[in-house]
Amino acid sequence: MQLWEGYQWRKKDSEDTMAYFAACQMSVHTKKPVEPRELLKPLRQTLEGKSKKEDEEYLKGVFKESV
């Protein structure tokens, strides 16, 4: 598990760094400052409450014409 944990740490660190610099660049062009936390929120969400059955029903509804 050490390799996996190291990979996850490096990935999170890289995302944090990119969000920081992106927020700095975006804040120059907007009236309201952009926080790196706001940019990271979609990346750090967990998919709680979703079940495999709900996903299957949704995908069947979306792709029923193509099957």
N, C-alpha and C. Protein backbone atom coordinates (compact mmCIF):
# COMPACT_ATOMS: atom_id res chain seq x y z
N MET A 1 0.81 -1.21 0.00
CA MET A 1 0.00 0.00 0.00
C MET A 1 0.85 1.27 0.00
N GLN A 2 2.13 1.15 0.28
CA GLN A 2 2.95 2.34 0.34
C GLN A 2 3.05 3.03 -1.03
N LEU A 3 3.15 2.25 -2.09
CA LEU A 3 3.24 2.84 -3.42
C LEU A 3 1.95 3.58 -3.76
N TRP A 4 0.82 2.96 -3.45
CA TRP A 4 -0.48 3.57 -3.75
C TRP A 4 -0.66 4.86 -2.95
N GLU A 5 -0.31 4.83 -1.68
CA GLU A 5 -0.44 6.02 -0.84
C GLU A 5 0.47 7.14 -1.34
N GLY A 6 1.66 6.78 -1.78
CA GLY A 6 2.58 7.77 -2.34
C GLY A 6 2.03 8.38 -3.62
N TYR A 7 1.44 7.54 -4.45
CA TYR A 7 0.84 8.03 -5.69
C TYR A 7 -0.31 8.99 -5.38
N GLN A 8 -1.17 8.62 -4.45
CA GLN A 8 -2.29 9.47 -4.08
C GLN A 8 -1.80 10.81 -3.52
N TRP A 9 -0.75 10.78 -2.71
CA TRP A 9 -0.21 12.00 -2.15
C TRP A 9 0.35 12.90 -3.25
N ARG A 10 1.12 12.31 -4.18
CA ARG A 10 1.69 13.10 -5.27
C ARG A 10 0.60 13.69 -6.15
N LYS A 11 -0.43 12.92 -6.42
CA LYS A 11 -1.54 13.39 -7.25
C LYS A 11 -2.25 14.56 -6.57
N LYS A 12 -2.53 14.43 -5.27
CA LYS A 12 -3.19 15.50 -4.53
C LYS A 12 -2.31 16.75 -4.48
N ASP A 13 -1.02 16.56 -4.25
CA ASP A 13 -0.10 17.69 -4.21
C ASP A 13 -0.05 18.41 -5.55
N SER A 14 -0.03 17.66 -6.63
CA SER A 14 -0.02 18.25 -7.97
C SER A 14 -1.31 19.03 -8.24
N GLU A 15 -2.45 18.46 -7.85
CA GLU A 15 -3.73 19.14 -8.03
C GLU A 15 -3.78 20.43 -7.21
N ASP A 16 -3.27 20.37 -5.98
CA ASP A 16 -3.25 21.56 -5.13
C ASP A 16 -2.40 22.67 -5.76
N THR A 17 -1.25 22.30 -6.28
CA THR A 17 -0.36 23.28 -6.90
C THR A 17 -1.00 23.91 -8.13
N MET A 18 -1.59 23.07 -8.98
CA MET A 18 -2.24 23.60 -10.19
C MET A 18 -3.43 24.49 -9.83
N ALA A 19 -4.20 24.11 -8.82
CA ALA A 19 -5.35 24.92 -8.41
C ALA A 19 -4.89 26.27 -7.86
N TYR A 20 -3.81 26.27 -7.12
CA TYR A 20 -3.30 27.53 -6.56
C TYR A 20 -2.93 28.50 -7.67
N PHE A 21 -2.14 28.04 -8.64
CA PHE A 21 -1.71 28.93 -9.70
C PHE A 21 -2.85 29.31 -10.64
N ALA A 22 -3.77 28.39 -10.89
CA ALA A 22 -4.93 28.73 -11.71
C ALA A 22 -5.79 29.78 -11.01
N ALA A 23 -5.97 29.64 -9.71
CA ALA A 23 -6.75 30.62 -8.95
C ALA A 23 -6.08 31.99 -8.98
N CYS A 24 -4.77 32.02 -8.89
CA CYS A 24 -4.04 33.30 -8.97
C CYS A 24 -4.28 33.96 -10.32
N GLN A 25 -4.22 33.19 -11.38
CA GLN A 25 -4.41 33.74 -12.72
C GLN A 25 -5.86 34.17 -12.94
N MET A 26 -6.80 33.41 -12.42
CA MET A 26 -8.22 33.76 -12.59
C MET A 26 -8.60 34.98 -11.76
N SER A 27 -8.01 35.13 -10.59
CA SER A 27 -8.36 36.25 -9.70
C SER A 27 -7.98 37.60 -10.30
N VAL A 28 -6.98 37.62 -11.15
CA VAL A 28 -6.57 38.86 -11.80
C VAL A 28 -7.67 39.37 -12.72
N HIS A 29 -8.45 38.47 -13.30
CA HIS A 29 -9.44 38.84 -14.30
C HIS A 29 -10.87 38.90 -13.77
N THR A 30 -11.07 38.68 -12.49
CA THR A 30 -12.42 38.71 -11.93
C THR A 30 -12.48 39.71 -10.78
N LYS A 31 -13.69 40.17 -10.49
CA LYS A 31 -13.87 41.10 -9.38
C LYS A 31 -13.76 40.37 -8.05
N LYS A 32 -14.34 39.19 -7.98
CA LYS A 32 -14.31 38.40 -6.75
C LYS A 32 -13.11 37.44 -6.82
N PRO A 33 -12.27 37.43 -5.80
CA PRO A 33 -11.12 36.51 -5.82
C PRO A 33 -11.56 35.05 -5.88
N VAL A 34 -10.83 34.26 -6.62
CA VAL A 34 -11.11 32.84 -6.75
C VAL A 34 -10.21 32.09 -5.78
N GLU A 35 -10.80 31.23 -4.98
CA GLU A 35 -10.05 30.43 -4.02
C GLU A 35 -9.67 29.09 -4.65
N PRO A 36 -8.47 28.60 -4.41
CA PRO A 36 -8.10 27.27 -4.91
C PRO A 36 -9.04 26.18 -4.40
N ARG A 37 -9.57 26.38 -3.22
CA ARG A 37 -10.52 25.44 -2.63
C ARG A 37 -11.75 25.27 -3.52
N GLU A 38 -12.21 26.37 -4.14
CA GLU A 38 -13.37 26.32 -5.02
C GLU A 38 -13.07 25.49 -6.27
N LEU A 39 -11.85 25.58 -6.76
CA LEU A 39 -11.48 24.83 -7.95
C LEU A 39 -11.31 23.34 -7.65
N LEU A 40 -10.92 23.03 -6.44
CA LEU A 40 -10.68 21.64 -6.06
C LEU A 40 -11.94 20.89 -5.63
N LYS A 41 -13.00 21.63 -5.32
CA LYS A 41 -14.21 21.00 -4.80
C LYS A 41 -14.75 19.88 -5.72
N PRO A 42 -14.87 20.08 -7.04
CA PRO A 42 -15.37 18.98 -7.88
C PRO A 42 -14.43 17.77 -7.92
N LEU A 43 -13.15 17.99 -7.77
CA LEU A 43 -12.20 16.88 -7.80
C LEU A 43 -12.23 16.05 -6.53
N ARG A 44 -12.57 16.67 -5.42
CA ARG A 44 -12.49 15.99 -4.13
C ARG A 44 -13.84 15.44 -3.66
N GLN A 45 -14.88 15.56 -4.48
CA GLN A 45 -16.18 15.03 -4.09
C GLN A 45 -16.15 13.52 -4.10
N THR A 46 -16.88 12.93 -3.17
CA THR A 46 -17.04 11.49 -3.17
C THR A 46 -18.42 11.16 -3.72
N LEU A 47 -18.54 10.02 -4.31
CA LEU A 47 -19.81 9.61 -4.89
C LEU A 47 -20.61 8.81 -3.87
N GLU A 48 -21.08 9.49 -2.85
CA GLU A 48 -21.84 8.84 -1.80
C GLU A 48 -23.31 8.76 -2.22
N GLY A 49 -23.96 7.71 -1.82
CA GLY A 49 -25.38 7.57 -2.09
C GLY A 49 -25.70 6.99 -3.46
N LYS A 50 -24.72 6.84 -4.29
CA LYS A 50 -24.95 6.27 -5.61
C LYS A 50 -24.81 4.75 -5.53
N SER A 51 -25.69 4.08 -6.17
CA SER A 51 -25.58 2.63 -6.21
C SER A 51 -25.41 2.18 -7.65
N LYS A 52 -24.97 0.97 -7.81
CA LYS A 52 -24.74 0.43 -9.13
C LYS A 52 -26.06 0.33 -9.91
N LYS A 53 -27.14 -0.01 -9.21
CA LYS A 53 -28.43 -0.14 -9.87
C LYS A 53 -28.91 1.21 -10.40
N GLU A 54 -28.74 2.27 -9.62
CA GLU A 54 -29.13 3.61 -10.07
C GLU A 54 -28.32 4.01 -11.29
N ASP A 55 -27.03 3.70 -11.29
CA ASP A 55 -26.19 4.02 -12.44
C ASP A 55 -26.63 3.26 -13.68
N GLU A 56 -26.95 1.98 -13.52
CA GLU A 56 -27.40 1.18 -14.66
C GLU A 56 -28.70 1.71 -15.24
N GLU A 57 -29.65 2.07 -14.37
CA GLU A 57 -30.92 2.61 -14.85
C GLU A 57 -30.72 3.93 -15.59
N TYR A 58 -29.86 4.77 -15.06
CA TYR A 58 -29.58 6.05 -15.72
C TYR A 58 -28.96 5.84 -17.10
N LEU A 59 -27.96 4.97 -17.17
CA LEU A 59 -27.28 4.73 -18.45
C LEU A 59 -28.21 4.07 -19.45
N LYS A 60 -29.07 3.17 -19.00
CA LYS A 60 -30.06 2.56 -19.91
C LYS A 60 -31.00 3.61 -20.48
N GLY A 61 -31.40 4.57 -19.65
CA GLY A 61 -32.27 5.63 -20.11
C GLY A 61 -31.59 6.54 -21.12
N VAL A 62 -30.33 6.82 -20.89
CA VAL A 62 -29.59 7.72 -21.79
C VAL A 62 -29.26 7.04 -23.12
N PHE A 63 -28.85 5.77 -23.05
CA PHE A 63 -28.37 5.09 -24.25
C PHE A 63 -29.37 4.08 -24.82
N LYS A 64 -30.63 4.16 -24.45
CA LYS A 64 -31.59 3.16 -24.92
C LYS A 64 -31.80 3.22 -26.44
N GLU A 65 -31.64 4.40 -27.01
CA GLU A 65 -31.81 4.54 -28.46
C GLU A 65 -30.67 3.91 -29.24
N SER A 66 -29.49 3.93 -28.68
CA SER A 66 -28.33 3.45 -29.43
C SER A 66 -28.13 1.94 -29.29
N VAL A 67 -28.83 1.31 -28.36
CA VAL A 67 -28.65 -0.15 -28.16
C VAL A 67 -29.66 -0.91 -28.94
